[in-house]
Amino acid sequence: MKNQISYSPEVRERAVRLVFEQQKVHESQWSAIKSIALKIGCTAETLRTWVRRAETDQGIRCGMSTSDRERLKELERENRELKRANEILRKASAYFAQAEFDHRPK
């Protein structure tokens, strides 16, 4: 299993900002990403992911923004909880209906 290094939000923001500033100086965005990744001590792919996410959040690139993605996760979690609750209520209702049917005088 790979060791996962957690970078602070400040480091991420600074690295992404540096890429946006330095890509004019480099021949491509990828070369700027590789150069800055070496300086901050992360992999180029990690930094590329941060840059893509920032571009999406700023509307530069198509896709779902971070806030929309978080909201979607929250709604999906809530939906799962409600489905579980409905299933419990449906089973309880069937159980009590059967109990009521069994106790009726004949």
C-alpha atoms as a PDB file:
ATOM      1  CA  MET A   1       0.000   0.000   0.000  1.00  0.00           C
ATOM      2  CA  LYS A   2       1.300   3.431  -0.913  1.00  0.00           C
ATOM      3  CA  ASN A   3       2.029   6.010   1.724  1.00  0.00           C
ATOM      4  CA  GLN A   4      -0.244   8.946   1.179  1.00  0.00           C
ATOM      5  CA  ILE A   5       1.142  12.379   1.950  1.00  0.00           C
ATOM      6  CA  SER A   6      -1.401  14.988   2.906  1.00  0.00           C
ATOM      7  CA  TYR A   7      -0.654  18.523   1.769  1.00  0.00           C
ATOM      8  CA  SER A   8      -2.231  21.512   3.432  1.00  0.00           C
ATOM      9  CA  PRO A   9      -4.743  23.571   1.446  1.00  0.00           C
ATOM     10  CA  GLU A  10      -2.319  26.498   1.526  1.00  0.00           C
ATOM     11  CA  VAL A  11       0.414  24.433  -0.150  1.00  0.00           C
ATOM     12  CA  ARG A  12      -2.041  23.221  -2.780  1.00  0.00           C
ATOM     13  CA  GLU A  13      -3.310  26.734  -3.519  1.00  0.00           C
ATOM     14  CA  ARG A  14       0.212  28.135  -3.718  1.00  0.00           C
ATOM     15  CA  ALA A  15       1.371  25.359  -6.041  1.00  0.00           C
ATOM     16  CA  VAL A  16      -1.616  25.826  -8.355  1.00  0.00           C
ATOM     17  CA  ARG A  17      -1.122  29.585  -8.363  1.00  0.00           C
ATOM     18  CA  LEU A  18       2.551  29.086  -9.255  1.00  0.00           C
ATOM     19  CA  VAL A  19       1.587  26.836 -12.165  1.00  0.00           C
ATOM     20  CA  PHE A  20      -0.809  29.458 -13.531  1.00  0.00           C
ATOM     21  CA  GLU A  21       1.858  32.157 -13.178  1.00  0.00           C
ATOM     22  CA  GLN A  22       4.769  30.096 -14.505  1.00  0.00           C
ATOM     23  CA  GLN A  23       3.099  28.387 -17.461  1.00  0.00           C
ATOM     24  CA  LYS A  24       3.733  31.532 -19.523  1.00  0.00           C
ATOM     25  CA  VAL A  25       7.465  31.160 -18.901  1.00  0.00           C
ATOM     26  CA  HIS A  26       7.569  27.427 -19.702  1.00  0.00           C
ATOM     27  CA  GLU A  27       6.908  25.867 -23.092  1.00  0.00           C
ATOM     28  CA  SER A  28       3.775  24.113 -21.794  1.00  0.00           C
ATOM     29  CA  GLN A  29       1.629  23.799 -18.724  1.00  0.00           C
ATOM     30  CA  TRP A  30       2.970  20.274 -18.186  1.00  0.00           C
ATOM     31  CA  SER A  31       6.582  21.477 -18.048  1.00  0.00           C
ATOM     32  CA  ALA A  32       5.549  24.138 -15.509  1.00  0.00           C
ATOM     33  CA  ILE A  33       3.772  21.453 -13.468  1.00  0.00           C
ATOM     34  CA  LYS A  34       6.838  19.166 -13.499  1.00  0.00           C
ATOM     35  CA  SER A  35       9.139  22.001 -12.470  1.00  0.00           C
ATOM     36  CA  ILE A  36       6.949  23.199  -9.595  1.00  0.00           C
ATOM     37  CA  ALA A  37       6.159  19.657  -8.411  1.00  0.00           C
ATOM     38  CA  LEU A  38       9.872  19.027  -7.923  1.00  0.00           C
ATOM     39  CA  LYS A  39      10.190  22.213  -5.873  1.00  0.00           C
ATOM     40  CA  ILE A  40       7.281  21.498  -3.516  1.00  0.00           C
ATOM     41  CA  GLY A  41       8.016  17.777  -3.194  1.00  0.00           C
ATOM     42  CA  CYS A  42       4.951  16.177  -4.759  1.00  0.00           C
ATOM     43  CA  THR A  43       4.525  14.177  -7.932  1.00  0.00           C
ATOM     44  CA  ALA A  44       3.727  15.955 -11.170  1.00  0.00           C
ATOM     45  CA  GLU A  45       0.533  13.909 -11.516  1.00  0.00           C
ATOM     46  CA  THR A  46      -0.670  15.069  -8.091  1.00  0.00           C
ATOM     47  CA  LEU A  47      -0.073  18.687  -8.996  1.00  0.00           C
ATOM     48  CA  ARG A  48      -1.724  18.184 -12.405  1.00  0.00           C
ATOM     49  CA  THR A  49      -4.824  16.883 -10.602  1.00  0.00           C
ATOM     50  CA  TRP A  50      -4.890  19.966  -8.358  1.00  0.00           C
ATOM     51  CA  VAL A  51      -4.528  22.241 -11.378  1.00  0.00           C
ATOM     52  CA  ARG A  52      -7.347  20.478 -13.271  1.00  0.00           C
ATOM     53  CA  ARG A  53      -9.634  20.760 -10.238  1.00  0.00           C
ATOM     54  CA  ALA A  54      -8.813  24.476  -9.876  1.00  0.00           C
ATOM     55  CA  GLU A  55      -9.493  25.048 -13.582  1.00  0.00           C
ATOM     56  CA  THR A  56     -12.857  23.310 -13.234  1.00  0.00           C
ATOM     57  CA  ASP A  57     -13.752  25.325 -10.121  1.00  0.00           C
ATOM     58  CA  GLN A  58     -12.835  28.579 -11.915  1.00  0.00           C
ATOM     59  CA  GLY A  59     -14.880  27.657 -14.988  1.00  0.00           C
ATOM     60  CA  ILE A  60     -11.838  27.399 -17.255  1.00  0.00           C
ATOM     61  CA  ARG A  61     -12.434  23.682 -17.817  1.00  0.00           C
ATOM     62  CA  CYS A  62     -15.734  21.802 -18.191  1.00  0.00           C
ATOM     63  CA  GLY A  63     -16.856  19.575 -15.365  1.00  0.00           C
ATOM     64  CA  MET A  64     -18.448  19.521 -11.946  1.00  0.00           C
ATOM     65  CA  SER A  65     -17.020  21.997  -9.457  1.00  0.00           C
ATOM     66  CA  THR A  66     -15.804  20.876  -6.054  1.00  0.00           C
ATOM     67  CA  SER A  67     -18.781  22.430  -4.259  1.00  0.00           C
ATOM     68  CA  ASP A  68     -21.207  20.734  -6.672  1.00  0.00           C
ATOM     69  CA  ARG A  69     -19.411  17.412  -6.198  1.00  0.00           C
ATOM     70  CA  GLU A  70     -19.629  17.730  -2.395  1.00  0.00           C
ATOM     71  CA  ARG A  71     -23.326  18.640  -2.603  1.00  0.00           C
ATOM     72  CA  LEU A  72     -23.985  15.634  -4.839  1.00  0.00           C
ATOM     73  CA  LYS A  73     -22.229  13.308  -2.355  1.00  0.00           C
ATOM     74  CA  GLU A  74     -24.312  14.777   0.474  1.00  0.00           C
ATOM     75  CA  LEU A  75     -27.556  14.279  -1.462  1.00  0.00           C
ATOM     76  CA  GLU A  76     -26.618  10.711  -2.417  1.00  0.00           C
ATOM     77  CA  ARG A  77     -25.863   9.895   1.238  1.00  0.00           C
ATOM     78  CA  GLU A  78     -29.184  11.405   2.322  1.00  0.00           C
ATOM     79  CA  ASN A  79     -30.970   9.444  -0.402  1.00  0.00           C
ATOM     80  CA  ARG A  80     -29.434   6.151   0.824  1.00  0.00           C
ATOM     81  CA  GLU A  81     -30.498   6.917   4.408  1.00  0.00           C
ATOM     82  CA  LEU A  82     -34.054   7.710   3.316  1.00  0.00           C
ATOM     83  CA  LYS A  83     -34.269   4.510   1.275  1.00  0.00           C
ATOM     84  CA  ARG A  84     -33.121   2.501   4.296  1.00  0.00           C
ATOM     85  CA  ALA A  85     -35.675   4.242   6.520  1.00  0.00           C
ATOM     86  CA  ASN A  86     -38.449   3.620   3.978  1.00  0.00           C
ATOM     87  CA  GLU A  87     -37.530  -0.067   3.784  1.00  0.00           C
ATOM     88  CA  ILE A  88     -37.655  -0.359   7.580  1.00  0.00           C
ATOM     89  CA  LEU A  89     -41.035   1.403   7.676  1.00  0.00           C
ATOM     90  CA  ARG A  90     -42.396  -0.795   4.877  1.00  0.00           C
ATOM     91  CA  LYS A  91     -41.353  -3.974   6.710  1.00  0.00           C
ATOM     92  CA  ALA A  92     -42.718  -2.707  10.022  1.00  0.00           C
ATOM     93  CA  SER A  93     -46.009  -1.785   8.360  1.00  0.00           C
ATOM     94  CA  ALA A  94     -46.319  -5.238   6.798  1.00  0.00           C
ATOM     95  CA  TYR A  95     -45.488  -6.892  10.119  1.00  0.00           C
ATOM     96  CA  PHE A  96     -48.097  -4.927  12.071  1.00  0.00           C
ATOM     97  CA  ALA A  97     -50.712  -5.348   9.350  1.00  0.00           C
ATOM     98  CA  GLN A  98     -50.180  -9.112   9.485  1.00  0.00           C
ATOM     99  CA  ALA A  99     -50.396  -9.056  13.309  1.00  0.00           C
ATOM    100  CA  GLU A 100     -53.663  -7.087  13.092  1.00  0.00           C
ATOM    101  CA  PHE A 101     -55.054  -9.548  10.554  1.00  0.00           C
ATOM    102  CA  ASP A 102     -54.101 -12.551  12.758  1.00  0.00           C
ATOM    103  CA  HIS A 103     -55.795 -11.112  15.901  1.00  0.00           C
ATOM    104  CA  ARG A 104     -59.188 -10.309  14.398  1.00  0.00           C
ATOM    105  CA  PRO A 105     -62.089 -12.177  15.979  1.00  0.00           C
ATOM    106  CA  LYS A 106     -63.651 -14.847  13.778  1.00  0.00           C
END
